[in-house]
């Protein structure tokens, strides 16, 4: 069983796999600070996006995308075949292991919903 990485942005929660309900597009999310990463990205501070910005862009709305909807209308936890999570954080994972940027990044395999053909909208 692989350990989930701690969010490199807030260091308060674990990065978990989620997907958009409308089309199954997968992403990684910290539910504490709403940081989002696409599956092909390294989970690091500089790569993080803000969930509200991504949802607003996908829905074609300006400002707060949650004014007339809730998370459960748009996203849900993902499960299924594995996907890579590349960490660059020095925060410990659940097993207490620390990443080290001076070495090659660790790779952790996490369960994910189907990754094709929507594994990256970019």
PDB file of N, CA and C in Angstrom:
ATOM      1  N   UNK A   1       0.840  -1.173   0.000  1.00  0.00           N
ATOM      2  CA  UNK A   1       0.000   0.000   0.000  1.00  0.00           C
ATOM      3  C   UNK A   1       0.885   1.237   0.000  1.00  0.00           C
ATOM      4  N   UNK A   2       0.582   2.195  -0.869  1.00  0.00           N
ATOM      5  CA  UNK A   2       1.406   3.382  -0.966  1.00  0.00           C
ATOM      6  C   UNK A   2       0.878   4.483  -0.052  1.00  0.00           C
ATOM      7  N   UNK A   3       1.781   5.331   0.386  1.00  0.00           N
ATOM      8  CA  UNK A   3       1.406   6.436   1.249  1.00  0.00           C
ATOM      9  C   UNK A   3       1.024   7.644   0.410  1.00  0.00           C
ATOM     10  N   UNK A   4       0.024   8.383   0.877  1.00  0.00           N
ATOM     11  CA  UNK A   4      -0.400   9.579   0.172  1.00  0.00           C
ATOM     12  C   UNK A   4       0.494  10.743   0.577  1.00  0.00           C
ATOM     13  N   UNK A   5       0.811  11.613  -0.367  1.00  0.00           N
ATOM     14  CA  UNK A   5       1.661  12.750  -0.026  1.00  0.00           C
ATOM     15  C   UNK A   5       0.886  13.818   0.746  1.00  0.00           C
ATOM     16  N   UNK A   6       1.582  14.481   1.632  1.00  0.00           N
ATOM     17  CA  UNK A   6       1.030  15.632   2.330  1.00  0.00           C
ATOM     18  C   UNK A   6       1.035  16.792   1.341  1.00  0.00           C
ATOM     19  N   UNK A   7       0.023  17.624   1.403  1.00  0.00           N
ATOM     20  CA  UNK A   7      -0.042  18.773   0.508  1.00  0.00           C
ATOM     21  C   UNK A   7       1.181  19.658   0.715  1.00  0.00           C
ATOM     22  N   UNK A   8       1.923  19.951  -0.350  1.00  0.00           N
ATOM     23  CA  UNK A   8       3.115  20.774  -0.214  1.00  0.00           C
ATOM     24  C   UNK A   8       2.790  22.248   0.012  1.00  0.00           C
ATOM     25  N   UNK A   9       1.561  22.641  -0.262  1.00  0.00           N
ATOM     26  CA  UNK A   9       1.163  24.037  -0.112  1.00  0.00           C
ATOM     27  C   UNK A   9       0.771  24.374   1.321  1.00  0.00           C
ATOM     28  N   UNK A  10      -0.126  23.604   1.907  1.00  0.00           N
ATOM     29  CA  UNK A  10      -0.601  23.919   3.262  1.00  0.00           C
ATOM     30  C   UNK A  10      -0.019  23.002   4.328  1.00  0.00           C
ATOM     31  N   UNK A  11       0.448  21.828   3.925  1.00  0.00           N
ATOM     32  CA  UNK A  11       0.987  20.808   4.830  1.00  0.00           C
ATOM     33  C   UNK A  11      -0.007  20.428   5.927  1.00  0.00           C
ATOM     34  N   UNK A  12      -1.308  20.538   5.617  1.00  0.00           N
ATOM     35  CA  UNK A  12      -2.354  20.247   6.597  1.00  0.00           C
ATOM     36  C   UNK A  12      -3.213  19.037   6.246  1.00  0.00           C
ATOM     37  N   UNK A  13      -3.138  18.567   5.012  1.00  0.00           N
ATOM     38  CA  UNK A  13      -4.000  17.466   4.582  1.00  0.00           C
ATOM     39  C   UNK A  13      -3.270  16.638   3.531  1.00  0.00           C
ATOM     40  N   UNK A  14      -3.851  15.500   3.188  1.00  0.00           N
ATOM     41  CA  UNK A  14      -3.288  14.611   2.186  1.00  0.00           C
ATOM     42  C   UNK A  14      -3.812  14.975   0.810  1.00  0.00           C
ATOM     43  N   UNK A  15      -3.010  14.777  -0.204  1.00  0.00           N
ATOM     44  CA  UNK A  15      -3.432  14.981  -1.594  1.00  0.00           C
ATOM     45  C   UNK A  15      -4.164  13.710  -2.028  1.00  0.00           C
ATOM     46  N   UNK A  16      -5.406  13.883  -2.477  1.00  0.00           N
ATOM     47  CA  UNK A  16      -6.276  12.754  -2.804  1.00  0.00           C
ATOM     48  C   UNK A  16      -6.718  12.815  -4.268  1.00  0.00           C
ATOM     49  N   UNK A  17      -6.988  11.649  -4.883  1.00  0.00           N
ATOM     50  CA  UNK A  17      -7.500  11.643  -6.256  1.00  0.00           C
ATOM     51  C   UNK A  17      -8.996  11.998  -6.302  1.00  0.00           C
ATOM     52  N   UNK A  18      -9.349  12.881  -7.208  1.00  0.00           N
ATOM     53  CA  UNK A  18     -10.734  13.289  -7.458  1.00  0.00           C
ATOM     54  C   UNK A  18     -10.969  13.282  -8.953  1.00  0.00           C
ATOM     55  N   UNK A  19     -12.223  13.463  -9.349  1.00  0.00           N
ATOM     56  CA  UNK A  19     -12.555  13.578 -10.763  1.00  0.00           C
ATOM     57  C   UNK A  19     -13.764  14.490 -10.921  1.00  0.00           C
ATOM     58  N   UNK A  20     -13.872  15.069 -12.125  1.00  0.00           N
ATOM     59  CA  UNK A  20     -15.037  15.867 -12.464  1.00  0.00           C
ATOM     60  C   UNK A  20     -16.150  14.917 -12.879  1.00  0.00           C
ATOM     61  N   UNK A  21     -17.325  15.100 -12.315  1.00  0.00           N
ATOM     62  CA  UNK A  21     -18.444  14.215 -12.596  1.00  0.00           C
ATOM     63  C   UNK A  21     -18.907  14.292 -14.053  1.00  0.00           C
ATOM     64  N   UNK A  22     -18.848  15.460 -14.652  1.00  0.00           N
ATOM     65  CA  UNK A  22     -19.372  15.651 -16.004  1.00  0.00           C
ATOM     66  C   UNK A  22     -18.666  14.809 -17.054  1.00  0.00           C
ATOM     67  N   UNK A  23     -17.336  14.680 -16.945  1.00  0.00           N
ATOM     68  CA  UNK A  23     -16.608  13.968 -17.998  1.00  0.00           C
ATOM     69  C   UNK A  23     -15.557  12.987 -17.491  1.00  0.00           C
ATOM     70  N   UNK A  24     -15.426  12.841 -16.186  1.00  0.00           N
ATOM     71  CA  UNK A  24     -14.484  11.881 -15.630  1.00  0.00           C
ATOM     72  C   UNK A  24     -13.047  12.344 -15.583  1.00  0.00           C
ATOM     73  N   UNK A  25     -12.769  13.608 -15.927  1.00  0.00           N
ATOM     74  CA  UNK A  25     -11.398  14.123 -15.895  1.00  0.00           C
ATOM     75  C   UNK A  25     -10.859  14.037 -14.472  1.00  0.00           C
ATOM     76  N   UNK A  26      -9.709  13.399 -14.325  1.00  0.00           N
ATOM     77  CA  UNK A  26      -9.101  13.175 -13.018  1.00  0.00           C
ATOM     78  C   UNK A  26      -8.135  14.290 -12.635  1.00  0.00           C
ATOM     79  N   UNK A  27      -7.972  14.468 -11.341  1.00  0.00           N
ATOM     80  CA  UNK A  27      -7.022  15.435 -10.806  1.00  0.00           C
ATOM     81  C   UNK A  27      -6.723  15.057  -9.366  1.00  0.00           C
ATOM     82  N   UNK A  28      -5.722  15.683  -8.801  1.00  0.00           N
ATOM     83  CA  UNK A  28      -5.364  15.484  -7.399  1.00  0.00           C
ATOM     84  C   UNK A  28      -5.766  16.736  -6.638  1.00  0.00           C
ATOM     85  N   UNK A  29      -6.269  16.566  -5.409  1.00  0.00           N
ATOM     86  CA  UNK A  29      -6.811  17.689  -4.664  1.00  0.00           C
ATOM     87  C   UNK A  29      -6.443  17.616  -3.190  1.00  0.00           C
ATOM     88  N   UNK A  30      -6.091  18.760  -2.637  1.00  0.00           N
ATOM     89  CA  UNK A  30      -5.990  18.915  -1.190  1.00  0.00           C
ATOM     90  C   UNK A  30      -7.280  19.599  -0.760  1.00  0.00           C
ATOM     91  N   UNK A  31      -8.101  18.917   0.017  1.00  0.00           N
ATOM     92  CA  UNK A  31      -9.386  19.483   0.414  1.00  0.00           C
ATOM     93  C   UNK A  31      -9.259  20.521   1.523  1.00  0.00           C
ATOM     94  N   UNK A  32      -8.085  20.653   2.090  1.00  0.00           N
ATOM     95  CA  UNK A  32      -7.855  21.681   3.112  1.00  0.00           C
ATOM     96  C   UNK A  32      -7.659  23.059   2.481  1.00  0.00           C
ATOM     97  N   UNK A  33      -6.805  23.155   1.459  1.00  0.00           N
ATOM     98  CA  UNK A  33      -6.499  24.462   0.856  1.00  0.00           C
ATOM     99  C   UNK A  33      -7.002  24.582  -0.581  1.00  0.00           C
ATOM    100  N   UNK A  34      -7.673  23.552  -1.091  1.00  0.00           N
ATOM    101  CA  UNK A  34      -8.241  23.538  -2.448  1.00  0.00           C
ATOM    102  C   UNK A  34      -7.189  23.634  -3.544  1.00  0.00           C
ATOM    103  N   UNK A  35      -5.989  23.145  -3.284  1.00  0.00           N
ATOM    104  CA  UNK A  35      -4.954  23.089  -4.319  1.00  0.00           C
ATOM    105  C   UNK A  35      -5.229  21.889  -5.217  1.00  0.00           C
ATOM    106  N   UNK A  36      -5.001  22.057  -6.517  1.00  0.00           N
ATOM    107  CA  UNK A  36      -5.315  21.042  -7.510  1.00  0.00           C
ATOM    108  C   UNK A  36      -4.114  20.822  -8.415  1.00  0.00           C
ATOM    109  N   UNK A  37      -3.883  19.552  -8.785  1.00  0.00           N
ATOM    110  CA  UNK A  37      -2.827  19.177  -9.732  1.00  0.00           C
ATOM    111  C   UNK A  37      -3.423  18.203 -10.733  1.00  0.00           C
ATOM    112  N   UNK A  38      -2.969  18.298 -11.988  1.00  0.00           N
ATOM    113  CA  UNK A  38      -3.359  17.320 -13.000  1.00  0.00           C
ATOM    114  C   UNK A  38      -2.475  16.089 -12.836  1.00  0.00           C
ATOM    115  N   UNK A  39      -2.928  14.914 -13.269  1.00  0.00           N
ATOM    116  CA  UNK A  39      -2.189  13.666 -13.048  1.00  0.00           C
ATOM    117  C   UNK A  39      -0.765  13.656 -13.592  1.00  0.00           C
ATOM    118  N   UNK A  40      -0.494  14.365 -14.683  1.00  0.00           N
ATOM    119  CA  UNK A  40       0.842  14.349 -15.281  1.00  0.00           C
ATOM    120  C   UNK A  40       1.807  15.296 -14.572  1.00  0.00           C
ATOM    121  N   UNK A  41       1.327  16.074 -13.611  1.00  0.00           N
ATOM    122  CA  UNK A  41       2.157  17.073 -12.953  1.00  0.00           C
ATOM    123  C   UNK A  41       2.791  16.559 -11.667  1.00  0.00           C
ATOM    124  N   UNK A  42       3.922  17.145 -11.334  1.00  0.00           N
ATOM    125  CA  UNK A  42       4.542  16.906 -10.041  1.00  0.00           C
ATOM    126  C   UNK A  42       3.723  17.644  -8.991  1.00  0.00           C
ATOM    127  N   UNK A  43       3.455  16.988  -7.888  1.00  0.00           N
ATOM    128  CA  UNK A  43       2.708  17.623  -6.799  1.00  0.00           C
ATOM    129  C   UNK A  43       3.685  18.495  -6.028  1.00  0.00           C
ATOM    130  N   UNK A  44       3.708  19.762  -6.375  1.00  0.00           N
ATOM    131  CA  UNK A  44       4.596  20.731  -5.760  1.00  0.00           C
ATOM    132  C   UNK A  44       3.907  22.077  -5.660  1.00  0.00           C
ATOM    133  N   UNK A  45       4.458  22.977  -4.882  1.00  0.00           N
ATOM    134  CA  UNK A  45       3.863  24.287  -4.660  1.00  0.00           C
ATOM    135  C   UNK A  45       3.712  25.056  -5.968  1.00  0.00           C
ATOM    136  N   UNK A  46       4.747  25.082  -6.788  1.00  0.00           N
ATOM    137  CA  UNK A  46       4.704  25.899  -7.996  1.00  0.00           C
ATOM    138  C   UNK A  46       3.753  25.356  -9.057  1.00  0.00           C
ATOM    139  N   UNK A  47       3.397  24.086  -8.999  1.00  0.00           N
ATOM    140  CA  UNK A  47       2.500  23.489  -9.985  1.00  0.00           C
ATOM    141  C   UNK A  47       1.034  23.573  -9.568  1.00  0.00           C
ATOM    142  N   UNK A  48       0.762  23.941  -8.327  1.00  0.00           N
ATOM    143  CA  UNK A  48      -0.610  23.927  -7.805  1.00  0.00           C
ATOM    144  C   UNK A  48      -1.493  24.967  -8.476  1.00  0.00           C
ATOM    145  N   UNK A  49      -2.726  24.571  -8.690  1.00  0.00           N
ATOM    146  CA  UNK A  49      -3.775  25.471  -9.163  1.00  0.00           C
ATOM    147  C   UNK A  49      -4.828  25.551  -8.060  1.00  0.00           C
ATOM    148  N   UNK A  50      -5.685  26.565  -8.124  1.00  0.00           N
ATOM    149  CA  UNK A  50      -6.746  26.721  -7.143  1.00  0.00           C
ATOM    150  C   UNK A  50      -8.023  26.106  -7.719  1.00  0.00           C
ATOM    151  N   UNK A  51      -8.648  25.216  -6.969  1.00  0.00           N
ATOM    152  CA  UNK A  51      -9.833  24.500  -7.435  1.00  0.00           C
ATOM    153  C   UNK A  51     -10.896  25.451  -7.980  1.00  0.00           C
ATOM    154  N   UNK A  52     -11.174  26.538  -7.290  1.00  0.00           N
ATOM    155  CA  UNK A  52     -12.213  27.473  -7.736  1.00  0.00           C
ATOM    156  C   UNK A  52     -11.929  28.010  -9.133  1.00  0.00           C
ATOM    157  N   UNK A  53     -10.664  28.332  -9.416  1.00  0.00           N
ATOM    158  CA  UNK A  53     -10.296  28.855 -10.736  1.00  0.00           C
ATOM    159  C   UNK A  53     -10.519  27.815 -11.830  1.00  0.00           C
ATOM    160  N   UNK A  54     -10.133  26.567 -11.555  1.00  0.00           N
ATOM    161  CA  UNK A  54     -10.294  25.495 -12.546  1.00  0.00           C
ATOM    162  C   UNK A  54     -11.771  25.209 -12.778  1.00  0.00           C
ATOM    163  N   UNK A  55     -12.560  25.135 -11.708  1.00  0.00           N
ATOM    164  CA  UNK A  55     -13.995  24.859 -11.846  1.00  0.00           C
ATOM    165  C   UNK A  55     -14.681  25.999 -12.598  1.00  0.00           C
ATOM    166  N   UNK A  56     -14.368  27.244 -12.256  1.00  0.00           N
ATOM    167  CA  UNK A  56     -14.973  28.389 -12.938  1.00  0.00           C
ATOM    168  C   UNK A  56     -14.662  28.351 -14.438  1.00  0.00           C
ATOM    169  N   UNK A  57     -13.415  28.046 -14.791  1.00  0.00           N
ATOM    170  CA  UNK A  57     -13.031  27.975 -16.207  1.00  0.00           C
ATOM    171  C   UNK A  57     -13.770  26.842 -16.917  1.00  0.00           C
ATOM    172  N   UNK A  58     -13.883  25.690 -16.283  1.00  0.00           N
ATOM    173  CA  UNK A  58     -14.564  24.549 -16.904  1.00  0.00           C
ATOM    174  C   UNK A  58     -16.054  24.809 -17.097  1.00  0.00           C
ATOM    175  N   UNK A  59     -16.649  25.543 -16.156  1.00  0.00           N
ATOM    176  CA  UNK A  59     -18.081  25.829 -16.237  1.00  0.00           C
ATOM    177  C   UNK A  59     -18.384  27.099 -17.031  1.00  0.00           C
ATOM    178  N   UNK A  60     -17.331  27.858 -17.357  1.00  0.00           N
ATOM    179  CA  UNK A  60     -17.523  29.086 -18.103  1.00  0.00           C
ATOM    180  C   UNK A  60     -18.177  30.196 -17.298  1.00  0.00           C
ATOM    181  N   UNK A  61     -17.893  30.251 -16.000  1.00  0.00           N
ATOM    182  CA  UNK A  61     -18.448  31.297 -15.140  1.00  0.00           C
ATOM    183  C   UNK A  61     -17.324  32.193 -14.633  1.00  0.00           C
ATOM    184  N   UNK A  62     -17.669  33.421 -14.310  1.00  0.00           N
ATOM    185  CA  UNK A  62     -16.701  34.338 -13.722  1.00  0.00           C
ATOM    186  C   UNK A  62     -16.931  34.386 -12.223  1.00  0.00           C
ATOM    187  N   UNK A  63     -15.848  34.551 -11.480  1.00  0.00           N
ATOM    188  CA  UNK A  63     -15.969  34.670 -10.025  1.00  0.00           C
ATOM    189  C   UNK A  63     -16.179  33.333  -9.345  1.00  0.00           C
ATOM    190  N   UNK A  64     -16.961  33.342  -8.288  1.00  0.00           N
ATOM    191  CA  UNK A  64     -17.191  32.178  -7.437  1.00  0.00           C
ATOM    192  C   UNK A  64     -18.060  31.134  -8.147  1.00  0.00           C
ATOM    193  N   UNK A  65     -17.483  29.969  -8.455  1.00  0.00           N
ATOM    194  CA  UNK A  65     -18.285  28.943  -9.137  1.00  0.00           C
ATOM    195  C   UNK A  65     -19.252  28.218  -8.205  1.00  0.00           C
ATOM    196  N   UNK A  66     -19.174  28.480  -6.915  1.00  0.00           N
ATOM    197  CA  UNK A  66     -19.978  27.759  -5.927  1.00  0.00           C
ATOM    198  C   UNK A  66     -21.215  28.543  -5.481  1.00  0.00           C
ATOM    199  N   UNK A  67     -21.537  29.645  -6.157  1.00  0.00           N
ATOM    200  CA  UNK A  67     -22.680  30.458  -5.727  1.00  0.00           C
ATOM    201  C   UNK A  67     -24.009  29.712  -5.860  1.00  0.00           C
ATOM    202  N   UNK A  68     -24.123  28.812  -6.837  1.00  0.00           N
ATOM    203  CA  UNK A  68     -25.382  28.074  -7.009  1.00  0.00           C
ATOM    204  C   UNK A  68     -25.171  26.564  -7.120  1.00  0.00           C
ATOM    205  N   UNK A  69     -24.023  26.089  -6.612  1.00  0.00           N
ATOM    206  CA  UNK A  69     -23.742  24.649  -6.621  1.00  0.00           C
ATOM    207  C   UNK A  69     -22.804  24.310  -5.475  1.00  0.00           C
ATOM    208  N   UNK A  70     -22.704  23.026  -5.163  1.00  0.00           N
ATOM    209  CA  UNK A  70     -21.774  22.540  -4.136  1.00  0.00           C
ATOM    210  C   UNK A  70     -20.798  21.567  -4.785  1.00  0.00           C
ATOM    211  N   UNK A  71     -19.738  21.236  -4.048  1.00  0.00           N
ATOM    212  CA  UNK A  71     -18.720  20.327  -4.582  1.00  0.00           C
ATOM    213  C   UNK A  71     -19.326  19.057  -5.154  1.00  0.00           C
ATOM    214  N   UNK A  72     -20.264  18.467  -4.417  1.00  0.00           N
ATOM    215  CA  UNK A  72     -20.836  17.185  -4.840  1.00  0.00           C
ATOM    216  C   UNK A  72     -21.550  17.272  -6.187  1.00  0.00           C
ATOM    217  N   UNK A  73     -21.928  18.480  -6.616  1.00  0.00           N
ATOM    218  CA  UNK A  73     -22.528  18.656  -7.933  1.00  0.00           C
ATOM    219  C   UNK A  73     -21.492  18.538  -9.040  1.00  0.00           C
ATOM    220  N   UNK A  74     -20.229  18.830  -8.734  1.00  0.00           N
ATOM    221  CA  UNK A  74     -19.200  18.990  -9.756  1.00  0.00           C
ATOM    222  C   UNK A  74     -18.088  17.946  -9.672  1.00  0.00           C
ATOM    223  N   UNK A  75     -17.636  17.620  -8.464  1.00  0.00           N
ATOM    224  CA  UNK A  75     -16.504  16.699  -8.301  1.00  0.00           C
ATOM    225  C   UNK A  75     -16.861  15.578  -7.337  1.00  0.00           C
ATOM    226  N   UNK A  76     -16.049  14.505  -7.400  1.00  0.00           N
ATOM    227  CA  UNK A  76     -16.215  13.380  -6.481  1.00  0.00           C
ATOM    228  C   UNK A  76     -14.878  12.670  -6.312  1.00  0.00           C
ATOM    229  N   UNK A  77     -14.691  11.987  -5.173  1.00  0.00           N
ATOM    230  CA  UNK A  77     -13.464  11.214  -5.004  1.00  0.00           C
ATOM    231  C   UNK A  77     -13.354  10.170  -6.113  1.00  0.00           C
ATOM    232  N   UNK A  78     -12.141   9.928  -6.569  1.00  0.00           N
ATOM    233  CA  UNK A  78     -11.897   8.972  -7.647  1.00  0.00           C
ATOM    234  C   UNK A  78     -11.342   7.674  -7.089  1.00  0.00           C
ATOM    235  N   UNK A  79     -11.616   6.595  -7.795  1.00  0.00           N
ATOM    236  CA  UNK A  79     -11.028   5.297  -7.452  1.00  0.00           C
ATOM    237  C   UNK A  79     -10.872   4.527  -8.748  1.00  0.00           C
ATOM    238  N   UNK A  80      -9.992   3.540  -8.744  1.00  0.00           N
ATOM    239  CA  UNK A  80      -9.783   2.743  -9.953  1.00  0.00           C
ATOM    240  C   UNK A  80      -8.320   2.449 -10.180  1.00  0.00           C
ATOM    241  N   UNK A  81      -7.926   2.278 -11.454  1.00  0.00           N
ATOM    242  CA  UNK A  81      -6.544   1.944 -11.783  1.00  0.00           C
ATOM    243  C   UNK A  81      -5.554   2.987 -11.270  1.00  0.00           C
ATOM    244  N   UNK A  82      -4.301   2.618 -11.135  1.00  0.00           N
ATOM    245  CA  UNK A  82      -3.270   3.484 -10.569  1.00  0.00           C
ATOM    246  C   UNK A  82      -2.832   4.623 -11.458  1.00  0.00           C
ATOM    247  N   UNK A  83      -2.291   5.647 -10.817  1.00  0.00           N
ATOM    248  CA  UNK A  83      -1.696   6.791 -11.509  1.00  0.00           C
ATOM    249  C   UNK A  83      -0.552   7.303 -10.659  1.00  0.00           C
ATOM    250  N   UNK A  84       0.424   7.895 -11.307  1.00  0.00           N
ATOM    251  CA  UNK A  84       1.588   8.388 -10.567  1.00  0.00           C
ATOM    252  C   UNK A  84       1.304   9.713  -9.890  1.00  0.00           C
ATOM    253  N   UNK A  85       1.868   9.855  -8.717  1.00  0.00           N
ATOM    254  CA  UNK A  85       1.901  11.131  -8.020  1.00  0.00           C
ATOM    255  C   UNK A  85       3.370  11.408  -7.785  1.00  0.00           C
ATOM    256  N   UNK A  86       3.887  12.446  -8.439  1.00  0.00           N
ATOM    257  CA  UNK A  86       5.296  12.787  -8.292  1.00  0.00           C
ATOM    258  C   UNK A  86       5.410  13.899  -7.269  1.00  0.00           C
ATOM    259  N   UNK A  87       6.119  13.636  -6.165  1.00  0.00           N
ATOM    260  CA  UNK A  87       6.215  14.613  -5.086  1.00  0.00           C
ATOM    261  C   UNK A  87       7.538  15.347  -5.130  1.00  0.00           C
ATOM    262  N   UNK A  88       7.491  16.636  -4.789  1.00  0.00           N
ATOM    263  CA  UNK A  88       8.717  17.403  -4.622  1.00  0.00           C
ATOM    264  C   UNK A  88       8.724  18.084  -3.267  1.00  0.00           C
ATOM    265  N   UNK A  89       7.836  17.694  -2.400  1.00  0.00           N
ATOM    266  CA  UNK A  89       7.723  18.321  -1.091  1.00  0.00           C
ATOM    267  C   UNK A  89       8.645  17.649  -0.086  1.00  0.00           C
ATOM    268  N   UNK A  90       9.068  18.398   0.909  1.00  0.00           N
ATOM    269  CA  UNK A  90       9.847  17.797   1.986  1.00  0.00           C
ATOM    270  C   UNK A  90       8.955  17.442   3.156  1.00  0.00           C
ATOM    271  N   UNK A  91       7.653  17.665   3.023  1.00  0.00           N
ATOM    272  CA  UNK A  91       6.718  17.300   4.084  1.00  0.00           C
ATOM    273  C   UNK A  91       6.636  15.777   4.179  1.00  0.00           C
ATOM    274  N   UNK A  92       6.438  15.223   5.368  1.00  0.00           N
ATOM    275  CA  UNK A  92       6.369  13.774   5.513  1.00  0.00           C
ATOM    276  C   UNK A  92       5.073  13.208   4.951  1.00  0.00           C
ATOM    277  N   UNK A  93       5.148  11.978   4.435  1.00  0.00           N
ATOM    278  CA  UNK A  93       3.935  11.301   4.035  1.00  0.00           C
ATOM    279  C   UNK A  93       3.374  10.576   5.256  1.00  0.00           C
ATOM    280  N   UNK A  94       2.315   9.793   5.085  1.00  0.00           N
ATOM    281  CA  UNK A  94       1.679   9.126   6.230  1.00  0.00           C
ATOM    282  C   UNK A  94       2.622   8.171   6.956  1.00  0.00           C
ATOM    283  N   UNK A  95       3.599   7.647   6.238  1.00  0.00           N
ATOM    284  CA  UNK A  95       4.551   6.725   6.846  1.00  0.00           C
ATOM    285  C   UNK A  95       5.688   7.460   7.548  1.00  0.00           C
ATOM    286  N   UNK A  96       5.692   8.811   7.470  1.00  0.00           N
ATOM    287  CA  UNK A  96       6.747   9.594   8.101  1.00  0.00           C
ATOM    288  C   UNK A  96       7.968   9.791   7.239  1.00  0.00           C
ATOM    289  N   UNK A  97       7.917   9.364   5.962  1.00  0.00           N
ATOM    290  CA  UNK A  97       9.035   9.539   5.050  1.00  0.00           C
ATOM    291  C   UNK A  97       9.073  10.975   4.545  1.00  0.00           C
ATOM    292  N   UNK A  98      10.261  11.519   4.421  1.00  0.00           N
ATOM    293  CA  UNK A  98      10.418  12.876   3.929  1.00  0.00           C
ATOM    294  C   UNK A  98      10.991  12.849   2.524  1.00  0.00           C
ATOM    295  N   UNK A  99      10.433  13.690   1.640  1.00  0.00           N
ATOM    296  CA  UNK A  99      11.007  13.855   0.313  1.00  0.00           C
ATOM    297  C   UNK A  99      12.255  14.710   0.437  1.00  0.00           C
ATOM    298  N   UNK A 100      13.153  14.612  -0.524  1.00  0.00           N
ATOM    299  CA  UNK A 100      14.370  15.405  -0.497  1.00  0.00           C
ATOM    300  C   UNK A 100      14.629  15.898  -1.907  1.00  0.00           C
ATOM    301  N   UNK A 101      14.620  17.203  -2.109  1.00  0.00           N
ATOM    302  CA  UNK A 101      14.776  17.760  -3.449  1.00  0.00           C
ATOM    303  C   UNK A 101      16.171  17.547  -4.016  1.00  0.00           C
ATOM    304  N   UNK A 102      17.141  17.229  -3.187  1.00  0.00           N
ATOM    305  CA  UNK A 102      18.486  17.002  -3.697  1.00  0.00           C
ATOM    306  C   UNK A 102      18.624  15.630  -4.341  1.00  0.00           C
ATOM    307  N   UNK A 103      17.659  14.744  -4.099  1.00  0.00           N
ATOM    308  CA  UNK A 103      17.651  13.415  -4.699  1.00  0.00           C
ATOM    309  C   UNK A 103      16.559  13.349  -5.749  1.00  0.00           C
ATOM    310  N   UNK A 104      16.492  12.244  -6.458  1.00  0.00           N
ATOM    311  CA  UNK A 104      15.403  12.051  -7.413  1.00  0.00           C
ATOM    312  C   UNK A 104      14.086  12.024  -6.656  1.00  0.00           C
ATOM    313  N   UNK A 105      13.022  12.632  -7.209  1.00  0.00           N
ATOM    314  CA  UNK A 105      11.732  12.626  -6.521  1.00  0.00           C
ATOM    315  C   UNK A 105      11.217  11.208  -6.353  1.00  0.00           C
ATOM    316  N   UNK A 106      10.535  10.963  -5.260  1.00  0.00           N
ATOM    317  CA  UNK A 106       9.916   9.668  -5.030  1.00  0.00           C
ATOM    318  C   UNK A 106       8.669   9.572  -5.888  1.00  0.00           C
ATOM    319  N   UNK A 107       8.321   8.366  -6.222  1.00  0.00           N
ATOM    320  CA  UNK A 107       7.094   8.149  -6.979  1.00  0.00           C
ATOM    321  C   UNK A 107       6.190   7.270  -6.148  1.00  0.00           C
ATOM    322  N   UNK A 108       4.958   7.703  -5.977  1.00  0.00           N
ATOM    323  CA  UNK A 108       3.973   6.946  -5.237  1.00  0.00           C
ATOM    324  C   UNK A 108       2.827   6.632  -6.177  1.00  0.00           C
ATOM    325  N   UNK A 109       2.408   5.392  -6.218  1.00  0.00           N
ATOM    326  CA  UNK A 109       1.289   5.024  -7.075  1.00  0.00           C
ATOM    327  C   UNK A 109       0.020   5.123  -6.259  1.00  0.00           C
ATOM    328  N   UNK A 110      -0.950   5.890  -6.781  1.00  0.00           N
ATOM    329  CA  UNK A 110      -2.230   6.101  -6.121  1.00  0.00           C
ATOM    330  C   UNK A 110      -3.360   5.618  -7.012  1.00  0.00           C
ATOM    331  N   UNK A 111      -4.425   5.111  -6.411  1.00  0.00           N
ATOM    332  CA  UNK A 111      -5.570   4.732  -7.232  1.00  0.00           C
ATOM    333  C   UNK A 111      -6.200   5.967  -7.865  1.00  0.00           C
ATOM    334  N   UNK A 112      -6.688   5.794  -9.080  1.00  0.00           N
ATOM    335  CA  UNK A 112      -7.289   6.896  -9.821  1.00  0.00           C
ATOM    336  C   UNK A 112      -8.436   6.370 -10.655  1.00  0.00           C
ATOM    337  N   UNK A 113      -9.343   7.189 -10.990  1.00  0.00           N
ATOM    338  CA  UNK A 113     -10.400   6.814 -11.932  1.00  0.00           C
ATOM    339  C   UNK A 113      -9.771   6.674 -13.314  1.00  0.00           C
ATOM    340  N   UNK A 114     -10.520   6.282 -14.288  1.00  0.00           N
ATOM    341  CA  UNK A 114      -9.993   6.085 -15.632  1.00  0.00           C
ATOM    342  C   UNK A 114      -9.272   7.346 -16.094  1.00  0.00           C
ATOM    343  N   UNK A 115      -8.079   7.176 -16.630  1.00  0.00           N
ATOM    344  CA  UNK A 115      -7.270   8.315 -17.023  1.00  0.00           C
ATOM    345  C   UNK A 115      -7.310   8.612 -18.516  1.00  0.00           C
ATOM    346  N   UNK A 116      -8.029   7.867 -19.275  1.00  0.00           N
ATOM    347  CA  UNK A 116      -8.102   8.172 -20.701  1.00  0.00           C
ATOM    348  C   UNK A 116      -9.542   8.441 -21.062  1.00  0.00           C
ATOM    349  N   UNK A 117      -9.838   9.289 -21.940  1.00  0.00           N
ATOM    350  CA  UNK A 117      -8.965  10.193 -22.662  1.00  0.00           C
ATOM    351  C   UNK A 117      -8.850  11.548 -21.978  1.00  0.00           C
ATOM    352  N   UNK A 118      -9.342  11.678 -20.775  1.00  0.00           N
ATOM    353  CA  UNK A 118      -9.446  12.980 -20.116  1.00  0.00           C
ATOM    354  C   UNK A 118      -8.431  13.185 -19.016  1.00  0.00           C
ATOM    355  N   UNK A 119      -7.242  12.591 -19.080  1.00  0.00           N
ATOM    356  CA  UNK A 119      -6.320  12.712 -17.972  1.00  0.00           C
ATOM    357  C   UNK A 119      -5.665  14.079 -17.867  1.00  0.00           C
ATOM    358  N   UNK A 120      -5.781  14.903 -18.888  1.00  0.00           N
ATOM    359  CA  UNK A 120      -5.251  16.262 -18.819  1.00  0.00           C
ATOM    360  C   UNK A 120      -6.005  17.150 -19.792  1.00  0.00           C
ATOM    361  N   UNK A 121      -6.588  18.215 -19.282  1.00  0.00           N
ATOM    362  CA  UNK A 121      -7.330  19.096 -20.166  1.00  0.00           C
ATOM    363  C   UNK A 121      -6.432  20.041 -20.935  1.00  0.00           C
ATOM    364  N   UNK A 122      -5.135  20.071 -20.640  1.00  0.00           N
ATOM    365  CA  UNK A 122      -4.220  21.009 -21.295  1.00  0.00           C
ATOM    366  C   UNK A 122      -3.441  20.334 -22.396  1.00  0.00           C
TER     367      UNK A 122
END
